[in-house]
Protein backbone atom coordinates (compact mmCIF):
# COMPACT_ATOMS: atom_id res chain seq x y z
CA UNK A 1 0.28 -0.34 0.66
CA UNK A 2 1.57 3.54 -0.96
CA UNK A 3 -0.04 6.36 0.66
CA UNK A 4 0.53 10.28 0.38
CA UNK A 5 -0.35 12.10 3.11
CA UNK A 6 -1.17 15.93 2.19
CA UNK A 7 -1.26 19.48 3.26
CA UNK A 8 -0.15 22.35 4.03
CA UNK A 9 2.81 23.09 6.29
CA UNK A 10 1.26 22.51 9.89
CA UNK A 11 -2.01 19.55 9.49
CA UNK A 12 0.13 17.40 11.59
CA UNK A 13 1.47 15.28 7.90
CA UNK A 14 5.17 13.68 10.24
CA UNK A 15 2.76 13.02 13.43
CA UNK A 16 -0.33 11.22 11.40
CA UNK A 17 2.79 9.85 9.04
CA UNK A 18 4.74 7.91 12.54
CA UNK A 19 1.26 6.82 14.13
CA UNK A 20 -0.35 4.99 10.95
CA UNK A 21 2.99 3.58 9.93
CA UNK A 22 3.01 1.81 13.55
CA UNK A 23 -0.75 1.04 13.34
CA UNK A 24 -0.21 -0.25 9.76
CA UNK A 25 2.88 -2.14 9.96
CA UNK A 26 4.80 0.05 6.35
CA UNK A 27 7.71 2.31 5.97
CA UNK A 28 7.63 5.90 6.69
CA UNK A 29 9.76 8.39 4.40
CA UNK A 30 9.57 11.95 5.28
CA UNK A 31 11.12 14.04 2.55
CA UNK A 32 13.36 16.66 5.75
CA UNK A 33 14.48 12.88 6.90
CA UNK A 34 15.72 11.50 3.40
CA UNK A 35 17.10 14.59 2.85
CA UNK A 36 19.42 14.68 5.32
CA UNK A 37 20.19 10.93 5.03
CA UNK A 38 21.36 11.60 1.32
CA UNK A 39 23.85 13.79 2.74
CA UNK A 40 24.56 12.84 5.90
CA UNK A 41 25.75 10.03 3.51
CA UNK A 42 27.43 11.70 1.09
CA UNK A 43 25.29 9.45 -1.80
CA UNK A 44 26.09 10.86 -5.13
CA UNK A 45 22.44 12.25 -5.08
CA UNK A 46 23.65 14.13 -1.23
CA UNK A 47 25.96 14.97 -2.52
CA UNK A 48 24.23 16.93 -5.44
CA UNK A 49 21.54 17.82 -2.76
CA UNK A 50 24.02 19.94 -0.23
CA UNK A 51 25.21 21.99 -3.35
CA UNK A 52 21.91 23.84 -3.53
CA UNK A 53 20.54 23.91 0.61
CA UNK A 54 24.47 25.04 1.04
CA UNK A 55 23.73 27.77 -0.85
CA UNK A 56 20.18 28.51 0.79
CA UNK A 57 18.60 27.09 -2.32
CA UNK A 58 15.78 24.92 -3.29
CA UNK A 59 16.99 22.02 -4.60
CA UNK A 60 15.48 20.83 -7.74
CA UNK A 61 12.65 18.78 -8.30
CA UNK A 62 14.49 16.01 -10.27
CA UNK A 63 16.81 15.39 -7.31
CA UNK A 64 13.89 15.83 -4.56
CA UNK A 65 12.64 13.05 -6.78
CA UNK A 66 15.85 10.65 -7.26
CA UNK A 67 16.54 11.00 -2.99
CA UNK A 68 13.50 9.73 -2.95
CA UNK A 69 14.08 7.20 -5.53
CA UNK A 70 16.62 6.23 -3.38
CA UNK A 71 15.00 5.74 -0.17
CA UNK A 72 11.84 3.60 -2.20
CA UNK A 73 14.36 1.58 -3.38
CA UNK A 74 15.25 0.26 0.00
CA UNK A 75 14.00 -3.35 1.31
CA UNK A 76 11.33 -1.12 4.19
CA UNK A 77 9.74 0.27 1.40
CA UNK A 78 8.97 -3.10 -0.21
CA UNK A 79 5.12 -3.66 1.74
CA UNK A 80 4.13 -0.27 1.05
CA UNK A 81 4.71 3.45 2.45
CA UNK A 82 2.68 6.20 3.82
CA UNK A 83 5.11 9.21 1.83
CA UNK A 84 5.27 12.72 3.86
CA UNK A 85 6.48 16.21 2.10
CA UNK A 86 6.38 14.62 -1.48
CA UNK A 87 4.59 15.48 -4.31
CA UNK A 88 4.67 18.63 -3.85
CA UNK A 89 4.32 20.15 -7.06
CA UNK A 90 3.11 18.71 -10.40
CA UNK A 91 6.28 17.39 -11.94
CA UNK A 92 7.56 15.93 -8.54
CA UNK A 93 3.52 13.48 -9.02
CA UNK A 94 4.64 12.49 -12.40
CA UNK A 95 7.70 11.58 -11.21
CA UNK A 96 6.40 9.63 -8.12
CA UNK A 97 4.15 8.08 -10.72
CA UNK A 98 7.05 7.11 -12.61
CA UNK A 99 8.82 5.39 -10.02
CA UNK A 100 6.10 3.57 -8.50
CA UNK A 101 5.61 1.92 -11.60
CA UNK A 102 8.24 0.81 -12.81
CA UNK A 103 8.50 -1.43 -9.53
CA UNK A 104 4.71 -2.05 -10.75
CA UNK A 105 2.85 0.18 -7.93
CA UNK A 106 0.48 3.07 -7.93
CA UNK A 107 -0.53 5.09 -4.82
CA UNK A 108 -3.36 3.46 -3.13
CA UNK A 109 -4.84 7.00 -0.82
CA UNK A 110 -3.93 10.45 -1.13
CA UNK A 111 -4.98 12.12 2.51
CA UNK A 112 -5.48 15.43 2.11
CA UNK A 113 -5.82 16.52 5.96
CA UNK A 114 -7.58 19.64 5.49
CA UNK A 115 -7.34 23.17 8.22
CA UNK A 116 -7.96 26.24 7.68
CA UNK A 117 -4.68 28.82 7.52
CA UNK A 118 -5.66 30.75 11.15
CA UNK A 119 -5.26 27.67 13.14
CA UNK A 120 -2.11 26.02 10.97
CA UNK A 121 -1.14 29.47 11.98
CA UNK A 122 -1.29 29.47 15.70
CA UNK A 123 -0.81 26.04 15.18
CA UNK A 124 2.93 26.77 14.28
CA UNK A 125 3.54 29.35 15.93
CA UNK A 126 2.91 27.73 19.75
CA UNK A 127 5.31 24.97 18.95
CA UNK A 128 8.19 28.18 18.79
CA UNK A 129 10.79 26.91 16.06
CA UNK A 130 12.96 29.22 15.19
CA UNK A 131 12.05 30.09 11.79
CA UNK A 132 8.35 29.84 12.64
CA UNK A 133 7.15 33.35 12.91
CA UNK A 134 3.70 34.49 11.17
CA UNK A 135 5.75 36.46 8.34
CA UNK A 136 7.29 33.24 7.12
CA UNK A 137 5.02 31.06 8.36
CA UNK A 138 2.58 32.76 5.51
CA UNK A 139 4.97 33.43 3.54
CA UNK A 140 5.39 29.13 3.54
CA UNK A 141 0.97 28.73 3.35
CA UNK A 142 1.31 31.14 -0.30
CA UNK A 143 3.85 28.67 -1.98
CA UNK A 144 1.64 25.91 -0.60
CA UNK A 145 -1.28 27.95 -1.96
CA UNK A 146 0.47 28.91 -5.18
CA UNK A 147 2.74 25.43 -6.43
CA UNK A 148 1.05 21.93 -3.56
CA UNK A 149 -2.37 22.89 -4.02
CA UNK A 150 -3.14 21.98 -6.84
CA UNK A 151 -1.66 18.53 -7.16
CA UNK A 152 -5.67 17.77 -4.99
CA UNK A 153 -7.00 18.46 -8.42
CA UNK A 154 -4.21 16.31 -10.07
CA UNK A 155 -4.87 13.99 -7.72
CA UNK A 156 -8.97 14.46 -7.18
CA UNK A 157 -9.26 13.44 -10.99
CA UNK A 158 -7.25 9.67 -10.92
CA UNK A 159 -9.50 8.63 -8.12
CA UNK A 160 -7.17 8.66 -5.02
CA UNK A 161 -7.73 11.84 -3.13
CA UNK A 162 -9.86 11.68 -0.15
CA UNK A 163 -10.01 14.79 2.67
CA UNK A 164 -9.93 14.48 5.88
CA UNK A 165 -10.81 17.58 8.29
CA UNK A 166 -8.01 17.98 10.58
CA UNK A 167 -8.65 19.51 12.91
CA UNK A 168 -9.18 18.34 16.99
CA UNK A 169 -7.61 16.07 18.99
CA UNK A 170 -4.08 13.64 17.12
CA UNK A 171 -6.08 10.56 18.08
CA UNK A 172 -9.69 12.22 16.56
CA UNK A 173 -7.71 13.07 13.39
CA UNK A 174 -5.86 9.09 12.72
CA UNK A 175 -9.12 7.53 13.11
CA UNK A 176 -10.63 9.78 10.22
CA UNK A 177 -7.54 9.22 8.08
CA UNK A 178 -7.67 5.66 9.48
CA UNK A 179 -11.70 5.14 8.21
CA UNK A 180 -10.45 6.79 4.86
CA UNK A 181 -8.04 3.47 4.67
CA UNK A 182 -10.06 1.10 5.29
């Protein structure tokens, strides 16, 4: 089973992915963790990604896709996975379809965790990270709206998209997601 958790920054994708991975017995791939792992391991694609990161630039879609492809080739991802933070663009979504197709797999579910912007801003301000300042958060939400949210239509047309209400306790949101997956 291949599941993509989707939603704006701060909706709880990472938290839900960890819980779902444990409950479903499948691997979880956080794009951020995959980046850090590839860079730390100094894989060829990790070195390439580091060259962009060290200059403060966005890592291009093809490099991001290669990092994800390396992860998906690992044995622990063979029986399924939950993707968190990927894809973020149409090009990444198309590349993910190509990667999965090459190994005889497809995306089973895209679950959009839906939370309004003001709730997201409040959540992120409360977590207290250095980069969680209101102007930065609003900018990240704007980027999400312009670059990533159009994937909702892409997956909606494929029939794999379901949205769940992302406000409530972690357990309540998890129950909503599990109901979609069953």
